[in-house]
Amino acid sequence: MNAFIVSEGKPEDFVDRVQSEIKSRQFEDIASIRTEGDLLIVAFSWIGTTSLTYRLQPQSQGFSAVLERQKVSPFHAPFRAGFEERFDQILAKVGARGVG
């Protein structure tokens, strides 16, 4: 997902919800999410590391996140669509709405 909006809550609360969903799907060994200042960093570590860095912008009661940079492991290229699909499902389940 290149950009998404979370209509309510702080980025830190969103990260907690995503981490819980990652754990419930038993992906905690390969997926992580964290904030660093106004950045949201998502990483997939499995035979290499892929990272997605989003720039966070406050909205009226929530925030938006726009993909600013991505580093894709060459080993992940064949699995990229599957990773993205699962990540999009997790984001949607915890209240993110894709834009653009």
Protein backbone atom coordinates (compact mmCIF):
# COMPACT_ATOMS: atom_id res chain seq x y z
CA MET A 1 0.00 0.00 0.00
CA ASN A 2 1.53 3.29 -1.10
CA ALA A 3 -0.57 5.47 1.18
CA PHE A 4 -3.22 5.00 3.83
CA ILE A 5 -5.30 6.94 6.33
CA VAL A 6 -6.19 5.99 9.88
CA SER A 7 -9.19 8.11 10.82
CA GLU A 8 -8.83 7.83 14.60
CA GLY A 9 -5.99 7.46 17.06
CA LYS A 10 -2.29 8.03 17.36
CA PRO A 11 0.35 6.24 15.29
CA GLU A 12 1.64 4.50 18.44
CA ASP A 13 -1.81 3.00 19.12
CA PHE A 14 -2.03 1.90 15.49
CA VAL A 15 1.38 0.20 15.78
CA ASP A 16 0.16 -1.68 18.87
CA ARG A 17 -2.92 -2.91 16.96
CA VAL A 18 -0.82 -3.98 13.97
CA GLN A 19 1.64 -5.81 16.24
CA SER A 20 -1.24 -7.68 17.88
CA GLU A 21 -2.59 -8.68 14.48
CA ILE A 22 0.87 -9.77 13.30
CA LYS A 23 1.20 -11.92 16.42
CA SER A 24 -2.27 -13.44 16.00
CA ARG A 25 -1.33 -14.48 12.46
CA GLN A 26 1.97 -15.90 13.73
CA PHE A 27 4.07 -13.52 11.59
CA GLU A 28 5.95 -11.98 14.53
CA ASP A 29 9.15 -13.80 13.55
CA ILE A 30 9.21 -12.18 10.10
CA ALA A 31 7.28 -8.90 10.34
CA SER A 32 7.75 -5.82 12.51
CA ILE A 33 6.42 -2.28 12.66
CA ARG A 34 7.60 0.74 14.65
CA THR A 35 7.61 4.51 14.67
CA GLU A 36 10.69 6.73 14.62
CA GLY A 37 9.68 10.35 14.95
CA ASP A 38 7.37 11.10 12.03
CA LEU A 39 8.23 7.85 10.24
CA LEU A 40 6.48 4.49 10.31
CA ILE A 41 8.84 1.64 9.47
CA VAL A 42 7.61 -1.79 8.44
CA ALA A 43 10.13 -4.60 7.99
CA PHE A 44 9.91 -8.15 6.71
CA SER A 45 12.91 -10.31 7.61
CA TRP A 46 13.08 -13.72 6.00
CA ILE A 47 16.08 -14.69 3.88
CA GLY A 48 16.89 -10.99 3.62
CA THR A 49 15.12 -7.85 4.78
CA THR A 50 12.58 -5.66 3.05
CA SER A 51 11.67 -2.35 4.64
CA LEU A 52 8.93 0.15 3.88
CA THR A 53 9.24 3.65 5.32
CA TYR A 54 6.14 5.83 5.51
CA ARG A 55 6.03 9.55 6.33
CA LEU A 56 3.32 10.24 8.93
CA GLN A 57 1.12 13.34 8.74
CA PRO A 58 -1.41 14.28 11.43
CA GLN A 59 -5.03 14.49 10.27
CA SER A 60 -8.09 15.84 12.09
CA GLN A 61 -8.42 12.88 14.49
CA GLY A 62 -5.98 10.38 13.07
CA PHE A 63 -3.09 10.39 10.62
CA SER A 64 -2.04 9.57 7.09
CA ALA A 65 1.00 7.60 6.00
CA VAL A 66 2.64 7.99 2.59
CA LEU A 67 5.30 5.57 1.36
CA GLU A 68 8.53 7.51 1.20
CA ARG A 69 11.11 4.80 0.64
CA GLN A 70 11.29 1.07 0.18
CA LYS A 71 14.17 -1.33 0.18
CA VAL A 72 13.25 -4.74 -1.23
CA SER A 73 15.46 -7.77 -0.71
CA PRO A 74 16.22 -9.48 -4.02
CA PHE A 75 15.10 -12.71 -2.36
CA HIS A 76 11.65 -11.23 -1.69
CA ALA A 77 10.89 -10.12 -5.26
CA PRO A 78 9.11 -13.37 -6.21
CA PHE A 79 6.96 -13.18 -3.04
CA ARG A 80 6.29 -9.43 -3.08
CA ALA A 81 2.64 -9.65 -4.17
CA GLY A 82 1.88 -12.13 -1.37
CA PHE A 83 3.61 -10.01 1.26
CA GLU A 84 1.79 -6.88 0.09
CA GLU A 85 -1.58 -8.62 0.05
CA ARG A 86 -1.17 -9.90 3.61
CA PHE A 87 0.12 -6.56 4.86
CA ASP A 88 -2.82 -4.74 3.22
CA GLN A 89 -5.23 -7.18 4.91
CA ILE A 90 -3.67 -6.51 8.30
CA LEU A 91 -3.80 -2.74 7.79
CA ALA A 92 -7.46 -2.88 6.75
CA LYS A 93 -8.36 -5.05 9.73
CA VAL A 94 -6.89 -2.54 12.20
CA GLY A 95 -8.60 0.48 10.66
CA ALA A 96 -6.40 1.77 7.83
CA ARG A 97 -7.96 2.80 4.54
CA GLY A 98 -5.84 2.84 1.39
CA VAL A 99 -5.75 6.03 -0.65
CA GLY A 100 -4.41 6.91 -4.07
